[in-house]
Amino acid sequence: MIAKTRVIKDHKNLTRALPSKRYVDPDYVYLPITNTRCSSGEIFIKVGDKVKIGDVIGKRNGGFFEQPIHSTVSGEYVGNEKKFHRGGKLLECVVIKNDKQDTFGDSVFTRTDEEIAKLTNEDFVKIAKDCGLVGLGGSGFPTYVKLNTKEKIDYVLVNGIECEPYLTSDYRIMLEFPERIMKGLGYAMQAVGAKKGIICIKEKYHSVYEVLTAVAKEFPHLNIEVCNVGNYYPQGWELEMFKSCLGITVPQGQLPSKYGIMNFNVSTIVGLYKAVKYNLPVIKRNFTVTGDGIKHPHNFRIRVGTSVKELIDKCGGYVDDKDKVLILGGPMMGMNFVRDDIITSKTSTSVIVLNKEEFVEEPCVRCGSCVYSCPAGLQPVAIMQAVKNNDKDALKAKLNIKSCILCGMCSYTCTSKIHLTDYCRKAKRMI
């Protein structure tokens, strides 16, 4: 009798070996006036004005912080259009017609290594703030707020784990821009006075490990090492990463800086390098377009504000006329769309195009799969019931919904195909 083994398909293989194609000259870019962290904003230019790369064309307001809006191309402001954003909302966007001259504004300049060596924490904070740098792994949290800490930082960690299925944009950026990662990590360490830098990657990423360790040897003064961590999901969750890499347990709700740790996504570190070296905001990023619903999956190096529809066309379009599901971000934590009228932002990592499958939601059988799989130790099925009962008190006190990281594990493991993560998202909105 021949034993049968279960083969788990590695969806990252669709794009992992593909070098990033440059698509940095779209005819138009679309820059949202608001976003998921900033509910209001204003524009400083008028229709017909000429802009250059790096010019501040507006400002978003996020309550306790402000975020400048930079033009990612040189060209002409031709008006506003509404486009879908990674948060799932239809947002008003500034439309810049690209003149394809790549003319940089006066705010963009090169700092020498000697000038950078003299920068203080206050200098780094100002640079990150002026360049509008945020967490590019999807969090969108302002980098300058993170750098502006009074805590003693021992370790700066770079998260290159990218544990969600399908995604390979961070994987490619580590292979394609390792020197920028090393220099950006060095700048982060200098900014907070850390003595150790660690780049965290999955244990199975052998090629990335070899590249990063080889390049790290060119920067012996920085004390950087590459740390292999687990191959499971959600290893990329920062608290799980801290535990695996450093053996330090940071309680949920506590700032990592209280424990001497500061962490950044690998793309954010590249953005910090560009900001410090060239005073340049994030105008480009690596982006994955993949899934079984398009003809030719690709990794791209794109201009921020590029239309997702254009990128899908560059992949040969859809495979057939069947209904598609588009997911901006990873399949576990991303946002799904039914149209491709979406624009890329600084915090967009990918779009996954899948052939639509119908699932029938069945009654909960109390199997406990969602409870056993929750990395935050919550009770998703009880959260679902509290949402249905509009029980806000239970969500706040008893069920601790604020600790939910919306990782998607409860929905993924549910034997009844209940969209528990969606109930958790609704619960967060309720309180």
Protein backbone atom coordinates (compact mmCIF):
# COMPACT_ATOMS: atom_id res chain seq x y z
CA MET A 1 0.00 0.00 0.00
CA ILE A 2 1.44 3.37 -1.01
CA ALA A 3 1.09 6.11 1.58
CA LYS A 4 -0.40 9.33 0.31
CA THR A 5 1.03 12.67 1.39
CA ARG A 6 -0.75 15.97 1.32
CA VAL A 7 0.92 18.45 -1.04
CA ILE A 8 0.52 22.07 0.00
CA LYS A 9 0.89 24.38 -2.95
CA ASP A 10 3.41 27.18 -2.51
CA HIS A 11 1.66 30.14 -4.13
CA LYS A 12 4.80 32.27 -3.79
CA ASN A 13 6.35 30.16 -6.57
CA LEU A 14 4.21 32.08 -9.06
CA THR A 15 6.49 35.12 -8.74
CA ARG A 16 9.34 34.38 -6.32
CA ALA A 17 11.95 33.75 -9.03
CA LEU A 18 10.82 36.64 -11.24
CA PRO A 19 12.97 39.80 -11.17
CA SER A 20 11.00 43.01 -10.70
CA LYS A 21 10.01 44.67 -13.98
CA ARG A 22 10.30 48.44 -14.03
CA TYR A 23 7.00 50.18 -14.71
CA VAL A 24 7.76 53.68 -13.51
CA ASP A 25 6.34 55.77 -16.36
CA PRO A 26 2.54 55.58 -16.22
CA ASP A 27 0.68 58.29 -18.12
CA TYR A 28 -1.08 59.38 -14.90
CA VAL A 29 -0.65 58.89 -11.17
CA TYR A 30 -3.47 59.14 -8.65
CA LEU A 31 -2.60 60.46 -5.17
CA PRO A 32 -5.34 60.19 -2.50
CA ILE A 33 -6.09 63.31 -0.45
CA THR A 34 -7.04 61.17 2.56
CA ASN A 35 -6.22 57.59 3.58
CA THR A 36 -6.92 54.98 6.25
CA ARG A 37 -5.01 56.89 8.95
CA CYS A 38 -5.85 60.43 7.86
CA SER A 39 -9.54 61.29 7.58
CA SER A 40 -9.03 64.82 6.23
CA GLY A 41 -6.63 66.60 3.92
CA GLU A 42 -6.04 69.65 1.78
CA ILE A 43 -4.39 70.41 -1.56
CA PHE A 44 -1.97 73.31 -2.09
CA ILE A 45 -2.01 73.40 -5.90
CA LYS A 46 -4.64 74.24 -8.52
CA VAL A 47 -5.56 72.62 -11.82
CA GLY A 48 -2.99 73.48 -14.48
CA ASP A 49 -0.06 73.85 -12.08
CA LYS A 50 3.20 72.14 -12.99
CA VAL A 51 4.82 69.93 -10.37
CA LYS A 52 8.12 68.14 -9.94
CA ILE A 53 9.08 64.90 -8.21
CA GLY A 54 9.14 65.38 -4.46
CA ASP A 55 7.10 68.61 -4.46
CA VAL A 56 4.68 68.90 -1.54
CA ILE A 57 1.25 69.28 -3.17
CA GLY A 58 -0.92 68.87 -0.08
CA LYS A 59 -1.24 67.62 3.46
CA ARG A 60 -3.21 64.89 5.24
CA ASN A 61 -4.32 65.24 8.85
CA GLY A 62 -4.26 62.20 11.11
CA GLY A 63 -5.22 63.61 14.48
CA PHE A 64 -1.92 63.49 16.34
CA PHE A 65 0.24 63.77 13.20
CA GLU A 66 0.37 65.36 9.77
CA GLN A 67 1.42 63.71 6.53
CA PRO A 68 2.66 65.66 3.50
CA ILE A 69 1.44 64.58 0.07
CA HIS A 70 4.29 64.47 -2.45
CA SER A 71 4.11 64.28 -6.20
CA THR A 72 5.65 61.02 -7.39
CA VAL A 73 6.13 62.24 -10.98
CA SER A 74 6.83 65.51 -12.72
CA GLY A 75 3.99 66.85 -14.81
CA GLU A 76 0.69 68.74 -14.63
CA TYR A 77 -2.16 68.68 -12.14
CA VAL A 78 -5.17 67.94 -14.36
CA GLY A 79 -7.96 67.46 -11.82
CA ASN A 80 -9.44 65.04 -9.31
CA GLU A 81 -10.94 61.57 -9.67
CA LYS A 82 -12.35 59.06 -7.22
CA LYS A 83 -10.47 55.78 -7.03
CA PHE A 84 -10.51 52.80 -4.70
CA HIS A 85 -7.78 52.82 -2.07
CA ARG A 86 -6.22 49.92 -0.13
CA GLY A 87 -8.55 50.63 2.80
CA GLY A 88 -11.51 49.61 0.63
CA LYS A 89 -12.97 53.10 0.28
CA LEU A 90 -13.55 55.25 -2.79
CA LEU A 91 -11.32 58.28 -2.19
CA GLU A 92 -10.81 61.63 -3.89
CA CYS A 93 -7.45 61.61 -5.67
CA VAL A 94 -5.26 64.27 -7.22
CA VAL A 95 -4.48 63.31 -10.82
CA ILE A 96 -1.03 64.23 -12.15
CA LYS A 97 -0.33 63.82 -15.87
CA ASN A 98 3.19 62.46 -16.15
CA ASP A 99 5.47 64.44 -18.48
CA LYS A 100 7.94 61.52 -18.25
CA GLN A 101 10.87 63.88 -17.77
CA ASP A 102 11.53 62.80 -14.17
CA THR A 103 12.37 66.34 -13.10
CA PHE A 104 13.15 66.51 -9.40
CA GLY A 105 12.04 69.37 -7.18
CA ASP A 106 14.42 71.61 -5.25
CA SER A 107 13.75 69.67 -2.03
CA VAL A 108 15.56 66.62 -3.42
CA PHE A 109 19.34 66.66 -2.92
CA THR A 110 22.18 64.33 -1.99
CA ARG A 111 23.76 64.27 1.46
CA THR A 112 27.38 63.19 1.74
CA ASP A 113 28.40 60.39 4.07
CA GLU A 114 30.17 62.96 6.21
CA GLU A 115 26.98 65.02 6.54
CA ILE A 116 24.95 61.94 7.40
CA ALA A 117 27.43 60.90 10.09
CA LYS A 118 26.75 64.20 11.90
CA LEU A 119 22.95 63.83 11.92
CA THR A 120 21.25 63.74 15.32
CA ASN A 121 18.06 61.98 16.37
CA GLU A 122 16.19 65.27 15.88
CA ASP A 123 17.60 65.49 12.34
CA PHE A 124 16.45 61.97 11.46
CA VAL A 125 12.99 62.66 12.90
CA LYS A 126 12.66 65.82 10.80
CA ILE A 127 13.83 64.05 7.63
CA ALA A 128 11.35 61.19 8.12
CA LYS A 129 8.56 63.68 8.83
CA ASP A 130 9.31 65.98 5.89
CA CYS A 131 9.56 63.00 3.52
CA GLY A 132 6.26 61.57 4.78
CA LEU A 133 7.81 58.17 5.49
CA VAL A 134 5.39 55.61 6.95
CA GLY A 135 5.34 51.87 7.58
CA LEU A 136 5.41 50.42 4.06
CA GLY A 137 4.52 46.89 5.10
CA GLY A 138 0.91 48.04 5.32
CA SER A 139 0.66 49.68 8.74
CA GLY A 140 1.09 53.23 7.45
CA PHE A 141 2.30 54.35 10.89
CA PRO A 142 4.44 57.53 10.67
CA THR A 143 8.13 56.63 10.90
CA TYR A 144 9.07 59.95 12.49
CA VAL A 145 6.78 59.21 15.45
CA LYS A 146 8.53 55.88 15.96
CA LEU A 147 12.03 57.41 15.71
CA ASN A 148 11.12 60.18 18.15
CA THR A 149 11.53 57.97 21.22
CA LYS A 150 13.20 58.68 24.54
CA GLU A 151 13.61 54.97 25.34
CA LYS A 152 16.99 53.25 25.17
CA ILE A 153 16.98 51.10 22.05
CA ASP A 154 19.26 48.06 21.98
CA TYR A 155 18.05 46.38 18.79
CA VAL A 156 16.68 47.59 15.47
CA LEU A 157 14.90 44.74 13.68
CA VAL A 158 14.03 44.66 9.99
CA ASN A 159 11.00 42.53 9.15
CA GLY A 160 11.65 40.69 5.89
CA ILE A 161 9.51 37.67 6.80
CA GLU A 162 6.59 38.36 4.45
CA CYS A 163 4.65 35.38 5.78
CA GLU A 164 1.41 35.85 3.82
CA PRO A 165 0.78 33.50 0.87
CA TYR A 166 1.39 34.77 -2.68
CA LEU A 167 3.38 37.90 -1.69
CA THR A 168 6.97 38.24 -2.92
CA SER A 169 7.52 42.02 -3.18
CA ASP A 170 9.64 42.13 0.00
CA TYR A 171 11.43 38.94 -1.05
CA ARG A 172 12.49 40.60 -4.30
CA ILE A 173 13.49 43.88 -2.65
CA MET A 174 15.88 41.95 -0.38
CA LEU A 175 17.49 40.27 -3.38
CA GLU A 176 17.56 43.38 -5.55
CA PHE A 177 18.49 46.15 -3.09
CA PRO A 178 20.54 44.58 -0.26
CA GLU A 179 22.95 47.53 0.01
CA ARG A 180 20.08 49.98 0.47
CA ILE A 181 18.75 47.77 3.25
CA MET A 182 22.12 47.72 5.03
CA LYS A 183 22.56 51.49 4.75
CA GLY A 184 18.97 52.21 5.75
CA LEU A 185 19.31 49.93 8.76
CA GLY A 186 22.54 51.73 9.66
CA TYR A 187 20.72 55.08 9.53
CA ALA A 188 17.94 53.73 11.78
CA MET A 189 20.50 52.45 14.27
CA GLN A 190 22.28 55.80 14.24
CA ALA A 191 19.01 57.65 14.75
CA VAL A 192 18.12 55.79 17.96
CA GLY A 193 21.61 54.88 19.19
CA ALA A 194 21.18 51.11 18.79
CA LYS A 195 24.27 48.90 18.78
CA LYS A 196 22.76 45.92 16.99
CA GLY A 197 20.81 45.53 13.76
CA ILE A 198 19.01 42.31 12.82
CA ILE A 199 17.27 41.41 9.56
CA CYS A 200 14.62 38.73 10.14
CA ILE A 201 13.75 36.37 7.28
CA LYS A 202 12.10 32.98 6.92
CA GLU A 203 14.38 30.01 7.48
CA LYS A 204 13.57 28.61 4.04
CA TYR A 205 14.73 31.78 2.24
CA HIS A 206 18.19 30.39 1.52
CA SER A 207 18.95 32.69 -1.43
CA VAL A 208 18.00 35.79 0.55
CA TYR A 209 20.10 34.64 3.51
CA GLU A 210 23.16 34.15 1.31
CA VAL A 211 22.78 37.55 -0.35
CA LEU A 212 22.16 39.51 2.84
CA THR A 213 24.92 37.83 4.85
CA ALA A 214 27.41 38.41 2.03
CA VAL A 215 26.49 42.10 1.70
CA ALA A 216 26.45 42.58 5.49
CA LYS A 217 30.17 41.72 5.51
CA GLU A 218 30.78 44.91 3.54
CA PHE A 219 29.45 46.89 6.53
CA PRO A 220 31.32 45.38 9.52
CA HIS A 221 31.09 48.63 11.47
CA LEU A 222 27.29 48.39 11.61
CA ASN A 223 27.06 45.09 13.54
CA ILE A 224 24.25 43.65 11.42
CA GLU A 225 23.22 40.01 11.38
CA VAL A 226 20.60 38.02 9.49
CA CYS A 227 18.28 35.92 11.67
CA ASN A 228 16.35 32.91 10.40
CA VAL A 229 12.90 32.56 11.96
CA GLY A 230 10.01 30.12 11.52
CA ASN A 231 8.29 29.34 8.25
CA TYR A 232 4.79 29.54 9.71
CA TYR A 233 2.02 32.14 9.67
CA PRO A 234 1.81 34.66 11.36
CA GLN A 235 5.56 34.70 12.04
CA GLY A 236 5.61 38.19 10.51
CA TRP A 237 3.53 39.57 13.41
CA GLU A 238 5.99 41.78 15.25
CA LEU A 239 5.38 40.20 18.66
CA GLU A 240 5.98 36.74 17.23
CA MET A 241 9.11 38.01 15.49
CA PHE A 242 10.51 39.49 18.72
CA LYS A 243 9.99 36.19 20.52
CA SER A 244 11.53 34.06 17.76
CA CYS A 245 14.50 36.32 17.08
CA LEU A 246 15.36 37.77 20.49
CA GLY A 247 13.56 35.51 22.94
CA ILE A 248 11.80 38.62 24.29
CA THR A 249 8.06 38.50 24.96
CA VAL A 250 6.46 41.91 24.46
CA PRO A 251 2.93 41.95 25.91
CA GLN A 252 0.23 43.05 23.50
CA GLY A 253 -0.53 46.72 23.90
CA GLN A 254 2.99 47.54 25.10
CA LEU A 255 5.38 49.57 22.95
CA PRO A 256 8.38 47.51 21.78
CA SER A 257 10.60 50.49 22.59
CA LYS A 258 9.89 49.85 26.28
CA TYR A 259 11.81 46.60 25.81
CA GLY A 260 14.68 48.14 23.88
CA ILE A 261 13.35 47.13 20.45
CA MET A 262 12.48 49.10 17.34
CA ASN A 263 11.30 47.38 14.17
CA PHE A 264 10.66 48.35 10.56
CA ASN A 265 9.43 46.59 7.45
CA VAL A 266 12.18 45.95 4.92
CA SER A 267 10.59 48.34 2.40
CA THR A 268 10.39 51.05 5.05
CA ILE A 269 14.12 50.70 5.67
CA VAL A 270 14.78 51.20 1.95
CA GLY A 271 12.51 54.26 2.12
CA LEU A 272 14.52 55.58 5.07
CA TYR A 273 17.72 55.15 3.08
CA LYS A 274 16.31 57.22 0.20
CA ALA A 275 14.98 59.87 2.58
CA VAL A 276 18.28 60.32 4.43
CA LYS A 277 20.61 60.03 1.44
CA TYR A 278 18.59 62.00 -1.10
CA ASN A 279 15.88 63.74 0.94
CA LEU A 280 13.50 61.83 -1.32
CA PRO A 281 9.98 60.72 -0.33
CA VAL A 282 8.75 57.28 -1.35
CA ILE A 283 8.00 57.63 -5.05
CA LYS A 284 8.56 53.99 -6.07
CA ARG A 285 8.03 50.62 -4.46
CA ASN A 286 8.13 46.90 -5.23
CA PHE A 287 4.71 45.45 -6.00
CA THR A 288 3.49 41.92 -6.78
CA VAL A 289 0.65 41.11 -9.20
CA THR A 290 -0.23 37.43 -8.96
CA GLY A 291 -2.96 34.79 -8.72
CA ASP A 292 -4.70 32.25 -10.91
CA GLY A 293 -6.96 34.90 -12.44
CA ILE A 294 -4.31 36.63 -14.56
CA LYS A 295 -2.25 35.31 -17.45
CA HIS A 296 1.29 36.18 -16.40
CA PRO A 297 2.01 37.01 -12.74
CA HIS A 298 4.82 39.53 -12.24
CA ASN A 299 6.83 41.49 -9.72
CA PHE A 300 7.05 45.18 -10.55
CA ARG A 301 8.98 48.24 -9.50
CA ILE A 302 6.24 50.84 -9.79
CA ARG A 303 5.59 54.53 -9.34
CA VAL A 304 3.38 55.18 -6.29
CA GLY A 305 -0.09 56.15 -7.52
CA THR A 306 -0.10 53.78 -10.51
CA SER A 307 -3.42 52.25 -11.55
CA VAL A 308 -3.79 48.55 -10.67
CA LYS A 309 -5.72 48.06 -13.91
CA GLU A 310 -2.62 49.12 -15.86
CA LEU A 311 -0.50 46.58 -14.01
CA ILE A 312 -3.00 43.81 -14.70
CA ASP A 313 -2.89 44.73 -18.39
CA LYS A 314 0.92 44.51 -18.23
CA CYS A 315 0.44 40.94 -16.97
CA GLY A 316 -1.54 40.04 -20.09
CA GLY A 317 -4.93 40.70 -18.53
CA TYR A 318 -7.39 38.23 -17.05
CA VAL A 319 -7.32 34.56 -18.02
CA ASP A 320 -11.00 34.39 -19.00
CA ASP A 321 -14.38 36.04 -18.54
CA LYS A 322 -15.14 34.37 -15.22
CA ASP A 323 -15.85 36.52 -12.18
CA LYS A 324 -12.73 37.54 -10.32
CA VAL A 325 -11.85 38.47 -6.76
CA LEU A 326 -9.13 41.11 -6.36
CA ILE A 327 -7.29 41.32 -3.05
CA LEU A 328 -5.11 44.32 -2.36
CA GLY A 329 -2.49 43.08 0.08
CA GLY A 330 -2.20 39.50 1.30
CA PRO A 331 -5.03 36.96 1.14
CA MET A 332 -5.13 36.72 4.94
CA MET A 333 -5.15 40.40 5.91
CA GLY A 334 -5.79 42.22 2.65
CA MET A 335 -8.93 43.96 1.39
CA ASN A 336 -10.98 42.37 -1.38
CA PHE A 337 -12.50 44.30 -4.30
CA VAL A 338 -14.96 43.49 -7.04
CA ARG A 339 -13.55 46.10 -9.47
CA ASP A 340 -10.05 46.88 -10.62
CA ASP A 341 -10.45 50.67 -10.41
CA ILE A 342 -7.83 50.70 -7.65
CA ILE A 343 -4.68 52.78 -7.21
CA THR A 344 -1.43 51.80 -5.55
CA SER A 345 -0.22 53.72 -2.53
CA LYS A 346 2.99 53.76 -0.49
CA THR A 347 1.61 51.00 1.72
CA SER A 348 0.34 48.74 -1.08
CA THR A 349 2.40 45.57 -1.45
CA SER A 350 0.47 43.53 -3.99
CA VAL A 351 -2.74 42.67 -5.76
CA ILE A 352 -3.91 39.06 -5.97
CA VAL A 353 -6.36 38.16 -8.73
CA LEU A 354 -8.28 34.94 -8.09
CA ASN A 355 -11.01 33.14 -9.97
CA LYS A 356 -14.12 33.54 -7.84
CA GLU A 357 -15.31 30.48 -5.94
CA GLU A 358 -18.61 30.27 -4.14
CA PHE A 359 -18.59 29.04 -0.54
CA VAL A 360 -21.68 28.19 1.47
CA GLU A 361 -21.51 29.41 5.06
CA GLU A 362 -22.78 26.77 7.45
CA PRO A 363 -23.81 27.02 11.13
CA CYS A 364 -21.05 27.05 13.74
CA VAL A 365 -20.42 23.54 15.11
CA ARG A 366 -18.40 24.75 18.13
CA CYS A 367 -15.32 22.85 17.00
CA GLY A 368 -12.98 25.45 18.54
CA SER A 369 -10.69 25.69 15.49
CA CYS A 370 -10.84 29.49 15.52
CA VAL A 371 -9.93 29.62 19.22
CA TYR A 372 -7.03 27.18 18.91
CA SER A 373 -5.56 29.00 15.91
CA CYS A 374 -5.85 32.59 17.21
CA PRO A 375 -2.32 33.94 17.88
CA ALA A 376 -3.76 36.61 20.20
CA GLY A 377 -5.63 34.06 22.34
CA LEU A 378 -9.12 35.42 21.56
CA GLN A 379 -12.51 33.75 21.06
CA PRO A 380 -13.60 34.69 17.52
CA VAL A 381 -16.89 32.81 17.64
CA ALA A 382 -17.88 34.66 20.83
CA ILE A 383 -16.89 37.93 19.15
CA MET A 384 -19.17 37.04 16.24
CA GLN A 385 -22.08 36.46 18.61
CA ALA A 386 -21.41 39.76 20.42
CA VAL A 387 -21.48 41.59 17.09
CA LYS A 388 -24.79 39.99 16.21
CA ASN A 389 -26.15 40.99 19.65
CA ASN A 390 -24.65 44.49 19.42
CA ASP A 391 -22.97 43.82 22.78
CA LYS A 392 -20.29 46.52 22.87
CA ASP A 393 -19.57 46.03 26.57
CA ALA A 394 -18.59 42.40 26.02
CA LEU A 395 -16.38 43.34 23.09
CA LYS A 396 -14.50 45.91 25.15
CA ALA A 397 -14.14 44.14 28.48
CA LYS A 398 -14.64 40.40 28.24
CA LEU A 399 -13.64 39.61 24.66
CA ASN A 400 -10.74 42.08 24.34
CA ILE A 401 -11.38 42.82 20.65
CA LYS A 402 -8.68 45.51 20.66
CA SER A 403 -6.06 42.73 20.79
CA CYS A 404 -7.25 41.25 17.48
CA ILE A 405 -4.64 41.71 14.73
CA LEU A 406 -7.04 40.69 11.92
CA CYS A 407 -4.63 38.00 10.78
CA GLY A 408 -7.41 35.93 9.17
CA MET A 409 -6.54 32.64 10.89
CA CYS A 410 -10.05 32.23 12.36
CA SER A 411 -11.68 32.44 8.92
CA TYR A 412 -9.02 30.23 7.35
CA THR A 413 -9.45 27.41 9.88
CA CYS A 414 -13.24 27.61 10.27
CA THR A 415 -14.77 24.28 9.24
CA SER A 416 -18.11 26.01 8.59
CA LYS A 417 -16.58 28.65 6.27
CA ILE A 418 -17.78 31.52 8.46
CA HIS A 419 -16.11 34.88 7.74
CA LEU A 420 -15.06 35.36 11.36
CA THR A 421 -12.37 37.92 10.51
CA ASP A 422 -15.06 40.12 9.00
CA TYR A 423 -17.00 39.94 12.27
CA CYS A 424 -13.81 40.92 14.13
CA ARG A 425 -13.37 43.86 11.76
CA LYS A 426 -16.97 44.92 12.40
CA ALA A 427 -16.40 44.56 16.15
CA LYS A 428 -13.43 46.92 16.01
CA ARG A 429 -15.56 49.47 14.17
CA MET A 430 -18.36 49.11 16.73
CA ILE A 431 -16.16 50.17 19.65
